Amino acid sequence: MPRLNVSVTLDITVVDEDEFRLAAHNKAAEEGDADPGRFMLVGQTTLGECAQMLLDPGCLIGANIDQSSYEDLYLLEE
């Protein structure tokens, strides 16, 4: 069977940074991450790293995730 590659791009807006970081922390803790507390620390992790933790399930049914990456986009408030 030929290998079929798919690329997905998501742009998200974080409306509650504290809740977003807490969700990343909780998922990391559930997965046995050695230092899930880093997701709560602004100086240690970015929102992009939090998004990667939350949105990259590690595996999909019938597929492998070859890589995931993030880019933090800081926009000026309107």
N, C-alpha and C. Protein backbone atom coordinates (compact mmCIF):
# COMPACT_ATOMS: atom_id res chain seq x y z
N MET A 1 0.84 -1.18 0.00
CA MET A 1 0.00 0.00 0.00
C MET A 1 0.89 1.25 0.00
N PRO A 2 0.61 2.21 -0.87
CA PRO A 2 1.45 3.41 -0.90
C PRO A 2 1.27 4.26 0.36
N ARG A 3 2.32 4.94 0.71
CA ARG A 3 2.27 5.83 1.87
C ARG A 3 1.60 7.14 1.47
N LEU A 4 0.62 7.56 2.21
CA LEU A 4 -0.10 8.80 1.95
C LEU A 4 0.22 9.79 3.06
N ASN A 5 0.76 10.93 2.71
CA ASN A 5 1.11 11.95 3.70
C ASN A 5 0.06 13.05 3.71
N VAL A 6 -0.27 13.51 4.90
CA VAL A 6 -1.23 14.59 5.08
C VAL A 6 -0.58 15.61 6.00
N SER A 7 -0.72 16.88 5.69
CA SER A 7 -0.22 17.95 6.54
C SER A 7 -1.41 18.74 7.07
N VAL A 8 -1.41 19.03 8.36
CA VAL A 8 -2.50 19.76 8.99
C VAL A 8 -1.92 20.98 9.70
N THR A 9 -2.54 22.13 9.50
CA THR A 9 -2.13 23.35 10.19
C THR A 9 -3.33 23.88 10.97
N LEU A 10 -3.11 24.18 12.24
CA LEU A 10 -4.16 24.75 13.08
C LEU A 10 -3.67 26.07 13.64
N ASP A 11 -4.47 27.09 13.53
CA ASP A 11 -4.21 28.36 14.21
C ASP A 11 -5.26 28.47 15.31
N ILE A 12 -4.81 28.63 16.53
CA ILE A 12 -5.75 28.72 17.64
C ILE A 12 -5.54 30.03 18.39
N THR A 13 -6.58 30.49 19.03
CA THR A 13 -6.51 31.67 19.89
C THR A 13 -6.74 31.20 21.32
N VAL A 14 -5.79 31.45 22.18
CA VAL A 14 -5.91 31.08 23.59
C VAL A 14 -6.66 32.21 24.29
N VAL A 15 -7.82 31.90 24.82
CA VAL A 15 -8.64 32.93 25.47
C VAL A 15 -8.48 32.93 26.99
N ASP A 16 -7.92 31.87 27.55
CA ASP A 16 -7.66 31.81 28.98
C ASP A 16 -6.34 31.06 29.18
N GLU A 17 -5.27 31.82 29.29
CA GLU A 17 -3.93 31.22 29.37
C GLU A 17 -3.79 30.30 30.58
N ASP A 18 -4.34 30.67 31.70
CA ASP A 18 -4.22 29.83 32.90
C ASP A 18 -4.88 28.47 32.69
N GLU A 19 -6.08 28.46 32.14
CA GLU A 19 -6.78 27.20 31.89
C GLU A 19 -6.06 26.36 30.84
N PHE A 20 -5.54 27.02 29.82
CA PHE A 20 -4.82 26.33 28.75
C PHE A 20 -3.57 25.66 29.30
N ARG A 21 -2.83 26.41 30.13
CA ARG A 21 -1.62 25.83 30.74
C ARG A 21 -1.98 24.69 31.69
N LEU A 22 -3.06 24.85 32.44
CA LEU A 22 -3.48 23.80 33.37
C LEU A 22 -3.86 22.53 32.60
N ALA A 23 -4.54 22.68 31.47
CA ALA A 23 -4.91 21.51 30.66
C ALA A 23 -3.66 20.80 30.15
N ALA A 24 -2.65 21.56 29.70
CA ALA A 24 -1.40 20.95 29.25
C ALA A 24 -0.70 20.25 30.40
N HIS A 25 -0.68 20.90 31.56
CA HIS A 25 -0.09 20.30 32.76
C HIS A 25 -0.77 18.97 33.09
N ASN A 26 -2.10 18.97 33.10
CA ASN A 26 -2.84 17.77 33.46
C ASN A 26 -2.60 16.63 32.47
N LYS A 27 -2.56 16.95 31.17
CA LYS A 27 -2.31 15.91 30.17
C LYS A 27 -0.90 15.35 30.34
N ALA A 28 0.07 16.24 30.56
CA ALA A 28 1.46 15.79 30.76
C ALA A 28 1.55 14.88 31.98
N ALA A 29 0.87 15.24 33.05
CA ALA A 29 0.88 14.42 34.26
C ALA A 29 0.26 13.05 33.99
N GLU A 30 -0.86 13.03 33.27
CA GLU A 30 -1.52 11.76 32.92
C GLU A 30 -0.62 10.85 32.09
N GLU A 31 0.21 11.48 31.25
CA GLU A 31 1.10 10.71 30.38
C GLU A 31 2.41 10.33 31.07
N GLY A 32 2.57 10.71 32.32
CA GLY A 32 3.77 10.35 33.06
C GLY A 32 4.97 11.23 32.78
N ASP A 33 4.73 12.44 32.31
CA ASP A 33 5.82 13.39 32.05
C ASP A 33 6.61 13.61 33.34
N ALA A 34 7.91 13.67 33.22
CA ALA A 34 8.78 13.83 34.40
C ALA A 34 8.61 15.19 35.07
N ASP A 35 8.20 16.22 34.34
CA ASP A 35 8.07 17.55 34.91
C ASP A 35 6.85 18.28 34.34
N PRO A 36 5.65 17.80 34.67
CA PRO A 36 4.45 18.45 34.11
C PRO A 36 4.26 19.88 34.62
N GLY A 37 4.86 20.21 35.75
CA GLY A 37 4.71 21.54 36.31
C GLY A 37 5.28 22.64 35.43
N ARG A 38 6.18 22.28 34.51
CA ARG A 38 6.78 23.29 33.65
C ARG A 38 5.74 23.98 32.76
N PHE A 39 4.62 23.28 32.48
CA PHE A 39 3.59 23.88 31.64
C PHE A 39 2.87 25.02 32.34
N MET A 40 3.00 25.12 33.64
CA MET A 40 2.39 26.20 34.40
C MET A 40 3.30 27.42 34.49
N LEU A 41 4.54 27.28 34.08
CA LEU A 41 5.53 28.34 34.25
C LEU A 41 5.79 29.06 32.93
N VAL A 42 5.39 30.31 32.87
CA VAL A 42 5.52 31.10 31.65
C VAL A 42 6.98 31.16 31.18
N GLY A 43 7.91 31.25 32.08
CA GLY A 43 9.32 31.34 31.71
C GLY A 43 9.93 30.04 31.21
N GLN A 44 9.26 28.92 31.44
CA GLN A 44 9.82 27.62 31.03
C GLN A 44 9.17 27.06 29.77
N THR A 45 7.91 27.36 29.54
CA THR A 45 7.23 26.84 28.35
C THR A 45 6.41 27.95 27.69
N THR A 46 6.26 27.82 26.40
CA THR A 46 5.44 28.76 25.65
C THR A 46 4.04 28.18 25.47
N LEU A 47 3.13 29.00 25.02
CA LEU A 47 1.80 28.51 24.71
C LEU A 47 1.84 27.51 23.56
N GLY A 48 2.80 27.67 22.67
CA GLY A 48 2.97 26.70 21.59
C GLY A 48 3.32 25.32 22.11
N GLU A 49 4.18 25.26 23.10
CA GLU A 49 4.52 23.97 23.71
C GLU A 49 3.30 23.36 24.40
N CYS A 50 2.50 24.22 25.03
CA CYS A 50 1.27 23.73 25.65
C CYS A 50 0.32 23.18 24.59
N ALA A 51 0.18 23.89 23.48
CA ALA A 51 -0.70 23.44 22.40
C ALA A 51 -0.21 22.11 21.84
N GLN A 52 1.10 21.97 21.68
CA GLN A 52 1.65 20.71 21.17
C GLN A 52 1.33 19.57 22.12
N MET A 53 1.44 19.80 23.41
CA MET A 53 1.10 18.77 24.39
C MET A 53 -0.37 18.38 24.26
N LEU A 54 -1.24 19.35 24.09
CA LEU A 54 -2.67 19.09 24.05
C LEU A 54 -3.16 18.51 22.72
N LEU A 55 -2.55 18.90 21.63
CA LEU A 55 -3.09 18.56 20.31
C LEU A 55 -2.38 17.41 19.60
N ASP A 56 -1.22 16.99 20.09
CA ASP A 56 -0.50 15.88 19.47
C ASP A 56 -0.76 14.64 20.32
N PRO A 57 -1.67 13.78 19.87
CA PRO A 57 -2.02 12.62 20.68
C PRO A 57 -0.94 11.53 20.68
N GLY A 58 0.09 11.67 19.86
CA GLY A 58 1.13 10.67 19.83
C GLY A 58 0.85 9.55 18.85
N CYS A 59 -0.40 9.19 18.69
CA CYS A 59 -0.76 8.16 17.72
C CYS A 59 -2.20 8.38 17.27
N LEU A 60 -2.49 7.93 16.10
CA LEU A 60 -3.83 7.99 15.54
C LEU A 60 -4.18 6.61 15.02
N ILE A 61 -5.43 6.28 14.99
CA ILE A 61 -5.85 4.98 14.45
C ILE A 61 -5.55 4.95 12.97
N GLY A 62 -4.73 4.01 12.55
CA GLY A 62 -4.40 3.84 11.14
C GLY A 62 -3.33 4.79 10.63
N ALA A 63 -2.65 5.49 11.54
CA ALA A 63 -1.64 6.46 11.10
C ALA A 63 -0.57 6.63 12.17
N ASN A 64 0.57 7.13 11.75
CA ASN A 64 1.64 7.53 12.66
C ASN A 64 1.88 9.02 12.49
N ILE A 65 2.11 9.73 13.58
CA ILE A 65 2.48 11.14 13.49
C ILE A 65 3.99 11.18 13.33
N ASP A 66 4.45 11.65 12.18
CA ASP A 66 5.88 11.68 11.89
C ASP A 66 6.59 12.79 12.65
N GLN A 67 5.94 13.91 12.80
CA GLN A 67 6.51 15.00 13.57
C GLN A 67 5.42 15.99 13.90
N SER A 68 5.64 16.76 14.93
CA SER A 68 4.76 17.89 15.21
C SER A 68 5.64 19.05 15.62
N SER A 69 5.19 20.24 15.34
CA SER A 69 5.95 21.43 15.70
C SER A 69 4.97 22.53 16.04
N TYR A 70 5.48 23.59 16.58
CA TYR A 70 4.63 24.72 16.95
C TYR A 70 5.35 26.00 16.62
N GLU A 71 4.59 27.05 16.49
CA GLU A 71 5.12 28.39 16.30
C GLU A 71 4.26 29.33 17.13
N ASP A 72 4.89 30.05 18.04
CA ASP A 72 4.15 31.00 18.85
C ASP A 72 3.99 32.29 18.07
N LEU A 73 2.76 32.72 17.91
CA LEU A 73 2.45 33.96 17.21
C LEU A 73 1.89 34.94 18.22
N TYR A 74 2.63 35.98 18.49
CA TYR A 74 2.17 36.97 19.45
C TYR A 74 1.65 38.17 18.67
N LEU A 75 0.37 38.39 18.76
CA LEU A 75 -0.26 39.47 18.02
C LEU A 75 -0.53 40.65 18.94
N LEU A 76 -0.51 41.82 18.36
CA LEU A 76 -0.83 43.02 19.14
C LEU A 76 -2.32 43.02 19.47
N GLU A 77 -2.64 43.44 20.66
CA GLU A 77 -4.05 43.54 21.02
C GLU A 77 -4.71 44.62 20.18
N GLU A 78 -5.94 44.33 19.79
CA GLU A 78 -6.68 45.29 18.96
C GLU A 78 -7.34 46.33 19.82
